[in-house]
Amino acid sequence: AVTGFIMPLRLKKGLVTEFLLFKDQAACCFGPAAKMNHYIRV
């Protein structure tokens, strides 16, 4: 179980089916690009 911030990648019928789980919200949306080990593809 890992807690983080999500960025949807794929939607199917309006539902998120694939996303990136980020270590922090800065890497997710507002800051510099996330390092390879700061996110998980789900």
PDB file of all heavy atoms in Angstrom:
ATOM      1  N   ALA A   1       0.878  -1.169   0.000  1.00  0.00           N
ATOM      2  CA  ALA A   1       0.000   0.000   0.000  1.00  0.00           C
ATOM      3  C   ALA A   1       0.912   1.215   0.000  1.00  0.00           C
ATOM      4  O   ALA A   1       1.816   1.322   0.837  1.00  0.00           O
ATOM      5  CB  ALA A   1      -0.894   0.000   1.228  1.00  0.00           C
ATOM      6  N   VAL A   2       0.703   2.122  -0.954  1.00  0.00           N
ATOM      7  CA  VAL A   2       1.527   3.325  -1.082  1.00  0.00           C
ATOM      8  C   VAL A   2       0.586   4.517  -1.231  1.00  0.00           C
ATOM      9  O   VAL A   2      -0.339   4.477  -2.040  1.00  0.00           O
ATOM     10  CB  VAL A   2       2.481   3.248  -2.295  1.00  0.00           C
ATOM     11  CG1 VAL A   2       3.360   4.489  -2.363  1.00  0.00           C
ATOM     12  CG2 VAL A   2       3.336   1.993  -2.241  1.00  0.00           C
ATOM     13  N   THR A   3       0.836   5.572  -0.467  1.00  0.00           N
ATOM     14  CA  THR A   3      -0.002   6.768  -0.513  1.00  0.00           C
ATOM     15  C   THR A   3       0.713   7.871  -1.280  1.00  0.00           C
ATOM     16  O   THR A   3       1.902   8.099  -1.079  1.00  0.00           O
ATOM     17  CB  THR A   3      -0.333   7.248   0.911  1.00  0.00           C
ATOM     18  OG1 THR A   3      -1.012   6.192   1.593  1.00  0.00           O
ATOM     19  CG2 THR A   3      -1.213   8.476   0.901  1.00  0.00           C
ATOM     20  N   GLY A   4      -0.017   8.543  -2.158  1.00  0.00           N
ATOM     21  CA  GLY A   4       0.565   9.636  -2.926  1.00  0.00           C
ATOM     22  C   GLY A   4      -0.499  10.400  -3.679  1.00  0.00           C
ATOM     23  O   GLY A   4      -1.702  10.235  -3.440  1.00  0.00           O
ATOM     24  N   PHE A   5      -0.064  11.234  -4.594  1.00  0.00           N
ATOM     25  CA  PHE A   5      -0.939  12.067  -5.415  1.00  0.00           C
ATOM     26  C   PHE A   5      -1.057  11.446  -6.800  1.00  0.00           C
ATOM     27  O   PHE A   5      -0.063  10.931  -7.324  1.00  0.00           O
ATOM     28  CB  PHE A   5      -0.379  13.486  -5.520  1.00  0.00           C
ATOM     29  CG  PHE A   5      -0.359  14.187  -4.198  1.00  0.00           C
ATOM     30  CD1 PHE A   5       0.731  14.078  -3.351  1.00  0.00           C
ATOM     31  CD2 PHE A   5      -1.440  14.937  -3.793  1.00  0.00           C
ATOM     32  CE1 PHE A   5       0.749  14.714  -2.125  1.00  0.00           C
ATOM     33  CE2 PHE A   5      -1.437  15.585  -2.565  1.00  0.00           C
ATOM     34  CZ  PHE A   5      -0.348  15.476  -1.730  1.00  0.00           C
ATOM     35  N   ILE A   6      -2.237  11.500  -7.396  1.00  0.00           N
ATOM     36  CA  ILE A   6      -2.415  10.837  -8.678  1.00  0.00           C
ATOM     37  C   ILE A   6      -2.538  11.814  -9.834  1.00  0.00           C
ATOM     38  O   ILE A   6      -2.997  12.941  -9.676  1.00  0.00           O
ATOM     39  CB  ILE A   6      -3.619   9.886  -8.681  1.00  0.00           C
ATOM     40  CG1 ILE A   6      -4.936  10.640  -8.665  1.00  0.00           C
ATOM     41  CG2 ILE A   6      -3.547   8.887  -7.564  1.00  0.00           C
ATOM     42  CD1 ILE A   6      -6.109   9.754  -9.027  1.00  0.00           C
ATOM     43  N   MET A   7      -2.084  11.336 -10.983  1.00  0.00           N
ATOM     44  CA  MET A   7      -2.279  12.016 -12.261  1.00  0.00           C
ATOM     45  C   MET A   7      -2.865  10.968 -13.207  1.00  0.00           C
ATOM     46  O   MET A   7      -2.176  10.010 -13.581  1.00  0.00           O
ATOM     47  CB  MET A   7      -0.963  12.540 -12.839  1.00  0.00           C
ATOM     48  CG  MET A   7      -1.165  13.196 -14.210  1.00  0.00           C
ATOM     49  SD  MET A   7       0.386  13.566 -15.064  1.00  0.00           S
ATOM     50  CE  MET A   7       1.141  14.720 -13.947  1.00  0.00           C
ATOM     51  N   PRO A   8      -4.145  11.087 -13.561  1.00  0.00           N
ATOM     52  CA  PRO A   8      -4.756  10.098 -14.450  1.00  0.00           C
ATOM     53  C   PRO A   8      -4.041  10.027 -15.801  1.00  0.00           C
ATOM     54  O   PRO A   8      -3.647  11.045 -16.364  1.00  0.00           O
ATOM     55  CB  PRO A   8      -6.186  10.613 -14.618  1.00  0.00           C
ATOM     56  CG  PRO A   8      -6.433  11.459 -13.412  1.00  0.00           C
ATOM     57  CD  PRO A   8      -5.104  12.093 -13.110  1.00  0.00           C
ATOM     58  N   LEU A   9      -3.883   8.815 -16.311  1.00  0.00           N
ATOM     59  CA  LEU A   9      -3.284   8.590 -17.629  1.00  0.00           C
ATOM     60  C   LEU A   9      -4.308   8.081 -18.632  1.00  0.00           C
ATOM     61  O   LEU A   9      -4.291   8.479 -19.786  1.00  0.00           O
ATOM     62  CB  LEU A   9      -2.144   7.579 -17.539  1.00  0.00           C
ATOM     63  CG  LEU A   9      -0.910   7.983 -16.757  1.00  0.00           C
ATOM     64  CD1 LEU A   9       0.079   6.817 -16.709  1.00  0.00           C
ATOM     65  CD2 LEU A   9      -0.261   9.208 -17.363  1.00  0.00           C
ATOM     66  N   ARG A  10      -5.170   7.162 -18.200  1.00  0.00           N
ATOM     67  CA  ARG A  10      -6.171   6.574 -19.085  1.00  0.00           C
ATOM     68  C   ARG A  10      -7.531   6.564 -18.400  1.00  0.00           C
ATOM     69  O   ARG A  10      -7.629   6.261 -17.226  1.00  0.00           O
ATOM     70  CB  ARG A  10      -5.809   5.139 -19.453  1.00  0.00           C
ATOM     71  CG  ARG A  10      -4.577   5.014 -20.286  1.00  0.00           C
ATOM     72  CD  ARG A  10      -4.405   3.561 -20.746  1.00  0.00           C
ATOM     73  NE  ARG A  10      -3.087   3.344 -21.269  1.00  0.00           N
ATOM     74  CZ  ARG A  10      -2.748   3.526 -22.540  1.00  0.00           C
ATOM     75  NH1 ARG A  10      -3.627   3.935 -23.405  1.00  0.00           N
ATOM     76  NH2 ARG A  10      -1.510   3.300 -22.939  1.00  0.00           N
ATOM     77  N   LEU A  11      -8.540   6.885 -19.185  1.00  0.00           N
ATOM     78  CA  LEU A  11      -9.909   6.810 -18.714  1.00  0.00           C
ATOM     79  C   LEU A  11     -10.694   5.894 -19.634  1.00  0.00           C
ATOM     80  O   LEU A  11     -10.451   5.854 -20.845  1.00  0.00           O
ATOM     81  CB  LEU A  11     -10.567   8.194 -18.699  1.00  0.00           C
ATOM     82  CG  LEU A  11     -10.164   9.090 -17.528  1.00  0.00           C
ATOM     83  CD1 LEU A  11      -8.893   9.836 -17.821  1.00  0.00           C
ATOM     84  CD2 LEU A  11     -11.283  10.025 -17.204  1.00  0.00           C
ATOM     85  N   LYS A  12     -11.605   5.140 -19.051  1.00  0.00           N
ATOM     86  CA  LYS A  12     -12.495   4.286 -19.824  1.00  0.00           C
ATOM     87  C   LYS A  12     -13.902   4.529 -19.303  1.00  0.00           C
ATOM     88  O   LYS A  12     -14.152   4.344 -18.104  1.00  0.00           O
ATOM     89  CB  LYS A  12     -12.108   2.814 -19.664  1.00  0.00           C
ATOM     90  CG  LYS A  12     -12.907   1.881 -20.530  1.00  0.00           C
ATOM     91  CD  LYS A  12     -12.370   0.459 -20.423  1.00  0.00           C
ATOM     92  CE  LYS A  12     -13.137  -0.461 -21.342  1.00  0.00           C
ATOM     93  NZ  LYS A  12     -12.641  -1.837 -21.248  1.00  0.00           N
ATOM     94  N   LYS A  13     -14.761   5.008 -20.176  1.00  0.00           N
ATOM     95  CA  LYS A  13     -16.139   5.350 -19.809  1.00  0.00           C
ATOM     96  C   LYS A  13     -16.172   6.340 -18.646  1.00  0.00           C
ATOM     97  O   LYS A  13     -16.961   6.229 -17.727  1.00  0.00           O
ATOM     98  CB  LYS A  13     -16.940   4.097 -19.480  1.00  0.00           C
ATOM     99  CG  LYS A  13     -17.106   3.155 -20.650  1.00  0.00           C
ATOM    100  CD  LYS A  13     -17.964   1.977 -20.309  1.00  0.00           C
ATOM    101  CE  LYS A  13     -18.065   1.068 -21.520  1.00  0.00           C
ATOM    102  NZ  LYS A  13     -18.849  -0.120 -21.256  1.00  0.00           N
ATOM    103  N   GLY A  14     -15.242   7.300 -18.668  1.00  0.00           N
ATOM    104  CA  GLY A  14     -15.200   8.342 -17.660  1.00  0.00           C
ATOM    105  C   GLY A  14     -14.553   7.958 -16.345  1.00  0.00           C
ATOM    106  O   GLY A  14     -14.524   8.755 -15.408  1.00  0.00           O
ATOM    107  N   LEU A  15     -13.992   6.747 -16.251  1.00  0.00           N
ATOM    108  CA  LEU A  15     -13.347   6.287 -15.022  1.00  0.00           C
ATOM    109  C   LEU A  15     -11.847   6.112 -15.239  1.00  0.00           C
ATOM    110  O   LEU A  15     -11.408   5.634 -16.288  1.00  0.00           O
ATOM    111  CB  LEU A  15     -13.954   4.955 -14.566  1.00  0.00           C
ATOM    112  CG  LEU A  15     -15.453   4.968 -14.250  1.00  0.00           C
ATOM    113  CD1 LEU A  15     -15.926   3.568 -13.898  1.00  0.00           C
ATOM    114  CD2 LEU A  15     -15.768   5.949 -13.130  1.00  0.00           C
ATOM    115  N   VAL A  16     -11.066   6.474 -14.237  1.00  0.00           N
ATOM    116  CA  VAL A  16      -9.607   6.339 -14.297  1.00  0.00           C
ATOM    117  C   VAL A  16      -9.248   4.860 -14.205  1.00  0.00           C
ATOM    118  O   VAL A  16      -9.616   4.189 -13.243  1.00  0.00           O
ATOM    119  CB  VAL A  16      -8.923   7.120 -13.152  1.00  0.00           C
ATOM    120  CG1 VAL A  16      -7.414   6.906 -13.180  1.00  0.00           C
ATOM    121  CG2 VAL A  16      -9.266   8.598 -13.216  1.00  0.00           C
ATOM    122  N   THR A  17      -8.547   4.358 -15.214  1.00  0.00           N
ATOM    123  CA  THR A  17      -8.125   2.962 -15.215  1.00  0.00           C
ATOM    124  C   THR A  17      -6.604   2.807 -15.127  1.00  0.00           C
ATOM    125  O   THR A  17      -6.101   1.721 -14.889  1.00  0.00           O
ATOM    126  CB  THR A  17      -8.617   2.234 -16.483  1.00  0.00           C
ATOM    127  OG1 THR A  17      -8.097   2.910 -17.630  1.00  0.00           O
ATOM    128  CG2 THR A  17     -10.129   2.198 -16.537  1.00  0.00           C
ATOM    129  N   GLU A  18      -5.890   3.911 -15.328  1.00  0.00           N
ATOM    130  CA  GLU A  18      -4.428   3.902 -15.213  1.00  0.00           C
ATOM    131  C   GLU A  18      -3.998   5.292 -14.783  1.00  0.00           C
ATOM    132  O   GLU A  18      -4.532   6.294 -15.259  1.00  0.00           O
ATOM    133  CB  GLU A  18      -3.803   3.547 -16.560  1.00  0.00           C
ATOM    134  CG  GLU A  18      -2.323   3.285 -16.499  1.00  0.00           C
ATOM    135  CD  GLU A  18      -1.786   2.716 -17.810  1.00  0.00           C
ATOM    136  OE1 GLU A  18      -2.541   2.106 -18.579  1.00  0.00           O
ATOM    137  OE2 GLU A  18      -0.580   2.918 -18.043  1.00  0.00           O
ATOM    138  N   PHE A  19      -3.027   5.350 -13.845  1.00  0.00           N
ATOM    139  CA  PHE A  19      -2.567   6.641 -13.347  1.00  0.00           C
ATOM    140  C   PHE A  19      -1.153   6.552 -12.821  1.00  0.00           C
ATOM    141  O   PHE A  19      -0.621   5.452 -12.624  1.00  0.00           O
ATOM    142  CB  PHE A  19      -3.517   7.175 -12.258  1.00  0.00           C
ATOM    143  CG  PHE A  19      -3.643   6.299 -11.034  1.00  0.00           C
ATOM    144  CD1 PHE A  19      -2.833   6.488  -9.918  1.00  0.00           C
ATOM    145  CD2 PHE A  19      -4.603   5.307 -10.977  1.00  0.00           C
ATOM    146  CE1 PHE A  19      -2.960   5.701  -8.786  1.00  0.00           C
ATOM    147  CE2 PHE A  19      -4.752   4.513  -9.850  1.00  0.00           C
ATOM    148  CZ  PHE A  19      -3.933   4.719  -8.753  1.00  0.00           C
ATOM    149  N   LEU A  20      -0.544   7.707 -12.640  1.00  0.00           N
ATOM    150  CA  LEU A  20       0.750   7.789 -11.964  1.00  0.00           C
ATOM    151  C   LEU A  20       0.484   8.191 -10.528  1.00  0.00           C
ATOM    152  O   LEU A  20      -0.310   9.093 -10.262  1.00  0.00           O
ATOM    153  CB  LEU A  20       1.656   8.821 -12.633  1.00  0.00           C
ATOM    154  CG  LEU A  20       2.089   8.519 -14.062  1.00  0.00           C
ATOM    155  CD1 LEU A  20       2.962   9.656 -14.598  1.00  0.00           C
ATOM    156  CD2 LEU A  20       2.830   7.193 -14.154  1.00  0.00           C
ATOM    157  N   LEU A  21       1.137   7.514  -9.597  1.00  0.00           N
ATOM    158  CA  LEU A  21       1.064   7.844  -8.172  1.00  0.00           C
ATOM    159  C   LEU A  21       2.389   8.503  -7.814  1.00  0.00           C
ATOM    160  O   LEU A  21       3.448   7.889  -7.942  1.00  0.00           O
ATOM    161  CB  LEU A  21       0.856   6.575  -7.338  1.00  0.00           C
ATOM    162  CG  LEU A  21       0.661   6.780  -5.846  1.00  0.00           C
ATOM    163  CD1 LEU A  21      -0.716   7.405  -5.573  1.00  0.00           C
ATOM    164  CD2 LEU A  21       0.783   5.455  -5.103  1.00  0.00           C
ATOM    165  N   PHE A  22       2.328   9.787  -7.404  1.00  0.00           N
ATOM    166  CA  PHE A  22       3.534  10.567  -7.141  1.00  0.00           C
ATOM    167  C   PHE A  22       3.817  10.696  -5.652  1.00  0.00           C
ATOM    168  O   PHE A  22       2.897  10.744  -4.833  1.00  0.00           O
ATOM    169  CB  PHE A  22       3.389  11.984  -7.709  1.00  0.00           C
ATOM    170  CG  PHE A  22       3.496  12.037  -9.204  1.00  0.00           C
ATOM    171  CD1 PHE A  22       2.366  11.937  -9.993  1.00  0.00           C
ATOM    172  CD2 PHE A  22       4.723  12.191  -9.819  1.00  0.00           C
ATOM    173  CE1 PHE A  22       2.454  11.995 -11.375  1.00  0.00           C
ATOM    174  CE2 PHE A  22       4.822  12.249 -11.191  1.00  0.00           C
ATOM    175  CZ  PHE A  22       3.680  12.145 -11.977  1.00  0.00           C
ATOM    176  N   LYS A  23       5.084  10.815  -5.351  1.00  0.00           N
ATOM    177  CA  LYS A  23       5.561  11.008  -3.984  1.00  0.00           C
ATOM    178  C   LYS A  23       4.981  12.288  -3.383  1.00  0.00           C
ATOM    179  O   LYS A  23       4.581  12.305  -2.222  1.00  0.00           O
ATOM    180  CB  LYS A  23       7.091  11.076  -4.006  1.00  0.00           C
ATOM    181  CG  LYS A  23       7.731  11.413  -2.700  1.00  0.00           C
ATOM    182  CD  LYS A  23       9.243  11.489  -2.867  1.00  0.00           C
ATOM    183  CE  LYS A  23       9.896  11.937  -1.579  1.00  0.00           C
ATOM    184  NZ  LYS A  23      11.345  11.973  -1.694  1.00  0.00           N
ATOM    185  N   ASP A  24       4.964  13.363  -4.146  1.00  0.00           N
ATOM    186  CA  ASP A  24       4.437  14.633  -3.631  1.00  0.00           C
ATOM    187  C   ASP A  24       3.747  15.399  -4.748  1.00  0.00           C
ATOM    188  O   ASP A  24       3.938  15.112  -5.921  1.00  0.00           O
ATOM    189  CB  ASP A  24       5.529  15.482  -2.978  1.00  0.00           C
ATOM    190  CG  ASP A  24       6.692  15.768  -3.896  1.00  0.00           C
ATOM    191  OD1 ASP A  24       6.464  16.157  -5.056  1.00  0.00           O
ATOM    192  OD2 ASP A  24       7.840  15.597  -3.466  1.00  0.00           O
ATOM    193  N   GLN A  25       2.928  16.358  -4.382  1.00  0.00           N
ATOM    194  CA  GLN A  25       2.156  17.072  -5.393  1.00  0.00           C
ATOM    195  C   GLN A  25       3.004  18.002  -6.237  1.00  0.00           C
ATOM    196  O   GLN A  25       2.649  18.307  -7.373  1.00  0.00           O
ATOM    197  CB  GLN A  25       0.993  17.828  -4.771  1.00  0.00           C
ATOM    198  CG  GLN A  25       1.380  19.016  -3.925  1.00  0.00           C
ATOM    199  CD  GLN A  25       0.156  19.656  -3.288  1.00  0.00           C
ATOM    200  OE1 GLN A  25      -0.785  18.976  -2.923  1.00  0.00           O
ATOM    201  NE2 GLN A  25       0.186  20.962  -3.145  1.00  0.00           N
ATOM    202  N   ALA A  26       4.146  18.448  -5.728  1.00  0.00           N
ATOM    203  CA  ALA A  26       5.015  19.309  -6.537  1.00  0.00           C
ATOM    204  C   ALA A  26       5.502  18.550  -7.765  1.00  0.00           C
ATOM    205  O   ALA A  26       5.503  19.067  -8.874  1.00  0.00           O
ATOM    206  CB  ALA A  26       6.185  19.819  -5.716  1.00  0.00           C
ATOM    207  N   ALA A  27       5.906  17.303  -7.571  1.00  0.00           N
ATOM    208  CA  ALA A  27       6.375  16.488  -8.694  1.00  0.00           C
ATOM    209  C   ALA A  27       5.221  16.134  -9.615  1.00  0.00           C
ATOM    210  O   ALA A  27       5.395  15.982 -10.816  1.00  0.00           O
ATOM    211  CB  ALA A  27       7.039  15.215  -8.178  1.00  0.00           C
ATOM    212  N   CYS A  28       4.036  16.036  -9.054  1.00  0.00           N
ATOM    213  CA  CYS A  28       2.861  15.665  -9.837  1.00  0.00           C
ATOM    214  C   CYS A  28       2.474  16.761 -10.824  1.00  0.00           C
ATOM    215  O   CYS A  28       2.261  16.501 -11.989  1.00  0.00           O
ATOM    216  CB  CYS A  28       1.693  15.376  -8.901  1.00  0.00           C
ATOM    217  SG  CYS A  28       0.128  15.071  -9.716  1.00  0.00           S
ATOM    218  N   CYS A  29       2.371  17.980 -10.345  1.00  0.00           N
ATOM    219  CA  CYS A  29       1.763  19.005 -11.191  1.00  0.00           C
ATOM    220  C   CYS A  29       2.483  20.350 -11.236  1.00  0.00           C
ATOM    221  O   CYS A  29       2.352  21.071 -12.206  1.00  0.00           O
ATOM    222  CB  CYS A  29       0.333  19.259 -10.715  1.00  0.00           C
ATOM    223  SG  CYS A  29      -0.667  17.776 -10.704  1.00  0.00           S
ATOM    224  N   PHE A  30       3.189  20.734 -10.203  1.00  0.00           N
ATOM    225  CA  PHE A  30       3.633  22.117 -10.091  1.00  0.00           C
ATOM    226  C   PHE A  30       5.146  22.332 -10.155  1.00  0.00           C
ATOM    227  O   PHE A  30       5.597  23.412 -10.467  1.00  0.00           O
ATOM    228  CB  PHE A  30       3.123  22.720  -8.780  1.00  0.00           C
ATOM    229  CG  PHE A  30       1.641  22.604  -8.626  1.00  0.00           C
ATOM    230  CD1 PHE A  30       1.095  21.761  -7.694  1.00  0.00           C
ATOM    231  CD2 PHE A  30       0.795  23.327  -9.453  1.00  0.00           C
ATOM    232  CE1 PHE A  30      -0.282  21.658  -7.556  1.00  0.00           C
ATOM    233  CE2 PHE A  30      -0.576  23.226  -9.328  1.00  0.00           C
ATOM    234  CZ  PHE A  30      -1.118  22.387  -8.373  1.00  0.00           C
ATOM    235  N   GLY A  31       5.921  21.345  -9.834  1.00  0.00           N
ATOM    236  CA  GLY A  31       7.360  21.539  -9.723  1.00  0.00           C
ATOM    237  C   GLY A  31       8.121  20.957 -10.886  1.00  0.00           C
ATOM    238  O   GLY A  31       7.573  20.708 -11.962  1.00  0.00           O
ATOM    239  N   PRO A  32       9.407  20.706 -10.674  1.00  0.00           N
ATOM    240  CA  PRO A  32      10.236  20.107 -11.726  1.00  0.00           C
ATOM    241  C   PRO A  32       9.796  18.664 -11.987  1.00  0.00           C
ATOM    242  O   PRO A  32       9.074  18.078 -11.190  1.00  0.00           O
ATOM    243  CB  PRO A  32      11.641  20.161 -11.133  1.00  0.00           C
ATOM    244  CG  PRO A  32      11.440  20.219  -9.659  1.00  0.00           C
ATOM    245  CD  PRO A  32      10.146  20.942  -9.445  1.00  0.00           C
ATOM    246  N   ALA A  33      10.246  18.120 -13.084  1.00  0.00           N
ATOM    247  CA  ALA A  33       9.896  16.745 -13.437  1.00  0.00           C
ATOM    248  C   ALA A  33      10.298  15.782 -12.328  1.00  0.00           C
ATOM    249  O   ALA A  33      11.365  15.926 -11.717  1.00  0.00           O
ATOM    250  CB  ALA A  33      10.593  16.358 -14.742  1.00  0.00           C
ATOM    251  N   ALA A  34       9.444  14.812 -12.080  1.00  0.00           N
ATOM    252  CA  ALA A  34       9.703  13.836 -11.023  1.00  0.00           C
ATOM    253  C   ALA A  34      10.855  12.915 -11.416  1.00  0.00           C
ATOM    254  O   ALA A  34      11.009  12.566 -12.590  1.00  0.00           O
ATOM    255  CB  ALA A  34       8.455  13.004 -10.776  1.00  0.00           C
ATOM    256  N   LYS A  35      11.647  12.526 -10.434  1.00  0.00           N
ATOM    257  CA  LYS A  35      12.707  11.554 -10.678  1.00  0.00           C
ATOM    258  C   LYS A  35      12.069  10.183 -10.873  1.00  0.00           C
ATOM    259  O   LYS A  35      10.946   9.932 -10.451  1.00  0.00           O
ATOM    260  CB  LYS A  35      13.677  11.537  -9.505  1.00  0.00           C
ATOM    261  CG  LYS A  35      14.475  12.807  -9.398  1.00  0.00           C
ATOM    262  CD  LYS A  35      15.545  12.683  -8.346  1.00  0.00           C
ATOM    263  CE  LYS A  35      16.359  13.959  -8.312  1.00  0.00           C
ATOM    264  NZ  LYS A  35      17.517  13.828  -7.457  1.00  0.00           N
ATOM    265  N   MET A  36      12.802   9.295 -11.510  1.00  0.00           N
ATOM    266  CA  MET A  36      12.281   7.986 -11.864  1.00  0.00           C
ATOM    267  C   MET A  36      11.752   7.208 -10.656  1.00  0.00           C
ATOM    268  O   MET A  36      10.781   6.469 -10.770  1.00  0.00           O
ATOM    269  CB  MET A  36      13.378   7.172 -12.562  1.00  0.00           C
ATOM    270  CG  MET A  36      12.898   5.868 -13.129  1.00  0.00           C
ATOM    271  SD  MET A  36      11.733   6.045 -14.485  1.00  0.00           S
ATOM    272  CE  MET A  36      12.803   6.497 -15.808  1.00  0.00           C
ATOM    273  N   ASN A  37      12.361   7.379  -9.498  1.00  0.00           N
ATOM    274  CA  ASN A  37      11.930   6.630  -8.321  1.00  0.00           C
ATOM    275  C   ASN A  37      11.019   7.452  -7.399  1.00  0.00           C
ATOM    276  O   ASN A  37      10.878   7.146  -6.226  1.00  0.00           O
ATOM    277  CB  ASN A  37      13.128   6.078  -7.547  1.00  0.00           C
ATOM    278  CG  ASN A  37      14.106   7.148  -7.124  1.00  0.00           C
ATOM    279  OD1 ASN A  37      14.089   8.271  -7.627  1.00  0.00           O
ATOM    280  ND2 ASN A  37      14.980   6.814  -6.205  1.00  0.00           N
ATOM    281  N   HIS A  38      10.382   8.481  -7.957  1.00  0.00           N
ATOM    282  CA  HIS A  38       9.452   9.310  -7.184  1.00  0.00           C
ATOM    283  C   HIS A  38       8.009   9.125  -7.650  1.00  0.00           C
ATOM    284  O   HIS A  38       7.137   9.893  -7.261  1.00  0.00           O
ATOM    285  CB  HIS A  38       9.828  10.781  -7.286  1.00  0.00           C
ATOM    286  CG  HIS A  38      11.076  11.113  -6.527  1.00  0.00           C
ATOM    287  ND1 HIS A  38      11.410  12.392  -6.187  1.00  0.00           N
ATOM    288  CD2 HIS A  38      12.073  10.341  -6.022  1.00  0.00           C
ATOM    289  CE1 HIS A  38      12.548  12.396  -5.529  1.00  0.00           C
ATOM    290  NE2 HIS A  38      12.973  11.160  -5.426  1.00  0.00           N
ATOM    291  N   TYR A  39       7.759   8.135  -8.505  1.00  0.00           N
ATOM    292  CA  TYR A  39       6.391   7.855  -8.922  1.00  0.00           C
ATOM    293  C   TYR A  39       6.250   6.380  -9.298  1.00  0.00           C
ATOM    294  O   TYR A  39       7.233   5.683  -9.546  1.00  0.00           O
ATOM    295  CB  TYR A  39       5.954   8.752 -10.089  1.00  0.00           C
ATOM    296  CG  TYR A  39       6.704   8.563 -11.380  1.00  0.00           C
ATOM    297  CD1 TYR A  39       6.240   7.691 -12.345  1.00  0.00           C
ATOM    298  CD2 TYR A  39       7.877   9.272 -11.633  1.00  0.00           C
ATOM    299  CE1 TYR A  39       6.924   7.523 -13.538  1.00  0.00           C
ATOM    300  CE2 TYR A  39       8.561   9.114 -12.823  1.00  0.00           C
ATOM    301  CZ  TYR A  39       8.076   8.237 -13.769  1.00  0.00           C
ATOM    302  OH  TYR A  39       8.763   8.075 -14.943  1.00  0.00           O
ATOM    303  N   ILE A  40       4.994   5.931  -9.310  1.00  0.00           N
ATOM    304  CA  ILE A  40       4.658   4.549  -9.654  1.00  0.00           C
ATOM    305  C   ILE A  40       3.555   4.596 -10.704  1.00  0.00           C
ATOM    306  O   ILE A  40       2.579   5.337 -10.557  1.00  0.00           O
ATOM    307  CB  ILE A  40       4.148   3.773  -8.416  1.00  0.00           C
ATOM    308  CG1 ILE A  40       5.211   3.734  -7.318  1.00  0.00           C
ATOM    309  CG2 ILE A  40       3.712   2.368  -8.807  1.00  0.00           C
ATOM    310  CD1 ILE A  40       4.687   3.192  -6.003  1.00  0.00           C
ATOM    311  N   ARG A  41       3.685   3.814 -11.728  1.00  0.00           N
ATOM    312  CA  ARG A  41       2.611   3.690 -12.726  1.00  0.00           C
ATOM    313  C   ARG A  41       1.655   2.601 -12.236  1.00  0.00           C
ATOM    314  O   ARG A  41       2.078   1.484 -11.937  1.00  0.00           O
ATOM    315  CB  ARG A  41       3.193   3.300 -14.074  1.00  0.00           C
ATOM    316  CG  ARG A  41       2.169   3.289 -15.161  1.00  0.00           C
ATOM    317  CD  ARG A  41       2.817   3.015 -16.483  1.00  0.00           C
ATOM    318  NE  ARG A  41       1.837   3.130 -17.546  1.00  0.00           N
ATOM    319  CZ  ARG A  41       2.163   3.312 -18.794  1.00  0.00           C
ATOM    320  NH1 ARG A  41       3.431   3.409 -19.150  1.00  0.00           N
ATOM    321  NH2 ARG A  41       1.229   3.392 -19.702  1.00  0.00           N
ATOM    322  N   VAL A  42       0.370   2.942 -12.154  1.00  0.00           N
ATOM    323  CA  VAL A  42      -0.635   2.032 -11.601  1.00  0.00           C
ATOM    324  C   VAL A  42      -1.673   1.708 -12.666  1.00  0.00           C
ATOM    325  O   VAL A  42      -2.201   2.602 -13.324  1.00  0.00           O
ATOM    326  CB  VAL A  42      -1.335   2.663 -10.368  1.00  0.00           C
ATOM    327  CG1 VAL A  42      -2.364   1.707  -9.790  1.00  0.00           C
ATOM    328  CG2 VAL A  42      -0.317   3.058  -9.308  1.00  0.00           C
TER     329      VAL A  42
END
